[in-house]
Protein backbone atom coordinates (compact mmCIF):
# COMPACT_ATOMS: atom_id res chain seq x y z
CA MET A 1 -3.51 26.50 -15.53
CA LYS A 2 -0.59 27.58 -14.60
CA LEU A 3 0.02 26.81 -10.05
CA ARG A 4 -0.43 30.29 -9.21
CA ASP A 5 -4.21 30.64 -11.21
CA ALA A 6 -5.21 27.54 -9.38
CA MET A 7 -6.61 26.09 -6.33
CA ILE A 8 -5.97 22.67 -5.32
CA ALA A 9 -9.22 21.59 -3.08
CA TRP A 10 -8.45 17.63 -1.43
CA ASN A 11 -9.77 15.92 2.05
CA PRO A 12 -8.07 13.35 3.66
CA THR A 13 -9.64 10.11 4.07
CA TRP A 14 -8.98 10.58 8.08
CA TRP A 15 -11.25 13.85 8.04
CA THR A 16 -14.25 13.16 9.65
CA TRP A 17 -16.88 13.83 7.00
CA LEU A 18 -19.59 16.44 7.84
CA PRO A 19 -22.56 17.06 6.27
CA GLY A 20 -21.90 19.38 2.81
CA GLU A 21 -18.54 18.54 2.64
CA MET A 22 -17.40 16.15 -0.03
CA PRO A 23 -16.91 12.55 0.99
CA PRO A 24 -13.41 11.64 2.87
CA GLY A 25 -10.68 11.26 -0.32
CA SER A 26 -12.44 14.16 -2.93
CA LEU A 27 -10.34 16.25 -4.59
CA LYS A 28 -10.55 18.73 -7.72
CA VAL A 29 -8.02 21.36 -9.16
CA GLY A 30 -10.24 24.35 -10.29
CA PRO A 31 -9.11 28.07 -11.17
CA PHE A 32 -8.52 30.39 -7.67
CA ALA A 33 -9.67 33.81 -9.22
CA GLY A 34 -13.18 34.62 -9.76
CA ASN A 35 -15.97 32.35 -7.40
CA ARG A 36 -14.06 30.10 -5.47
CA ARG A 37 -16.65 28.72 -3.20
CA TRP A 38 -17.07 25.20 -5.60
CA SER A 39 -13.87 24.59 -2.89
CA THR A 40 -16.19 25.51 0.15
CA PRO A 41 -17.16 21.33 0.59
CA TYR A 42 -13.32 20.68 0.92
CA ARG A 43 -10.99 21.26 3.83
CA MET A 44 -7.64 21.56 2.33
CA THR A 45 -6.19 23.85 -0.01
CA ASP A 46 -3.23 24.40 -1.68
CA GLY A 47 -2.13 26.59 -5.14
CA GLY A 48 -2.64 30.18 -5.93
CA CYS A 49 -5.16 30.74 -2.71
CA CYS A 50 -1.30 30.39 -0.64
CA ALA A 51 0.79 33.96 -0.70
CA ASP A 52 4.04 31.90 -1.01
CA THR A 53 2.64 30.90 -4.52
CA LEU A 54 2.63 33.85 -6.33
CA THR A 55 6.10 35.12 -5.89
CA MET A 56 7.72 31.36 -6.94
CA SER A 57 9.98 30.31 -9.64
CA GLN A 58 9.10 28.31 -12.41
CA ALA A 59 11.48 25.47 -10.44
CA GLU A 60 9.78 26.13 -7.21
CA ALA A 61 6.11 25.41 -8.45
CA GLU A 62 7.79 22.30 -10.07
CA ARG A 63 8.81 20.95 -7.04
CA GLU A 64 5.58 22.20 -5.04
CA THR A 65 3.09 20.55 -7.44
CA LEU A 66 5.24 17.15 -6.31
CA VAL A 67 4.64 17.65 -2.50
CA MET A 68 1.35 18.28 -2.88
CA PHE A 69 1.42 14.98 -4.57
CA ASN A 70 3.43 13.44 -1.97
CA THR A 71 1.11 15.24 0.98
CA MET A 72 -2.10 14.08 -0.97
CA VAL A 73 -0.92 10.77 -1.26
CA LEU A 74 0.93 9.57 1.60
CA ARG A 75 -0.29 11.75 4.22
CA ASP A 76 -3.88 12.02 3.06
CA GLY A 77 -4.52 9.15 1.42
CA ILE A 78 -5.78 10.53 -1.66
CA ASN A 79 -6.12 8.05 -4.27
CA PRO A 80 -2.43 8.37 -6.29
CA ALA A 81 -4.64 7.94 -9.79
CA ASP A 82 -7.34 10.27 -8.90
CA ALA A 83 -3.94 13.03 -7.30
CA HIS A 84 -2.60 12.61 -10.93
CA ARG A 85 -6.28 13.09 -12.98
CA GLU A 86 -6.50 16.59 -11.27
CA LEU A 87 -2.79 17.48 -10.55
CA TRP A 88 -2.91 17.18 -14.12
CA LEU A 89 -4.31 20.07 -14.76
CA ILE A 90 -1.52 21.89 -13.82
CA ASP A 91 1.54 23.37 -15.65
CA GLU A 92 4.48 22.71 -13.80
CA TYR A 93 2.87 19.18 -12.44
CA ARG A 94 2.99 17.92 -15.84
CA ALA A 95 6.75 19.59 -16.56
CA ALA A 96 7.91 18.40 -13.12
CA ILE A 97 6.72 14.49 -13.93
CA CYS A 98 8.71 12.47 -15.89
CA VAL A 99 8.12 12.70 -19.74
CA ASP A 100 7.35 9.28 -20.04
CA THR A 101 4.40 9.39 -17.52
CA PRO A 102 0.65 8.78 -19.27
CA PRO A 103 -1.75 10.95 -19.09
CA PRO A 104 -4.24 10.51 -16.90
CA ASP A 105 -6.62 8.36 -19.46
CA GLU A 106 -4.23 5.59 -19.59
CA VAL A 107 -3.57 5.39 -15.63
CA GLU A 108 -4.56 2.45 -14.15
CA GLU A 109 -7.53 2.85 -10.96
């Protein structure tokens, strides 16, 4: 899935959980087009829902996925293996990481 077609949604670990929301540390990548109600239980979103994403070059979109990974993991406390598993669904993320980075099913939690 291309970054412009995806929505990345997560709840930081420091977020105060509210009823109806996914627990802190939750993360999901899904489609941006069509029914986006799946993202309602998340507080943070990125990807195709951001206007800048729609006009990014391939190189800019690849860099953006690495910035997202860094932000989610270092600022928001998302488990790195979870971030890698979900962002693996984004074409630009796979293009941006080292070619010998193992796919999510080979990464230890």
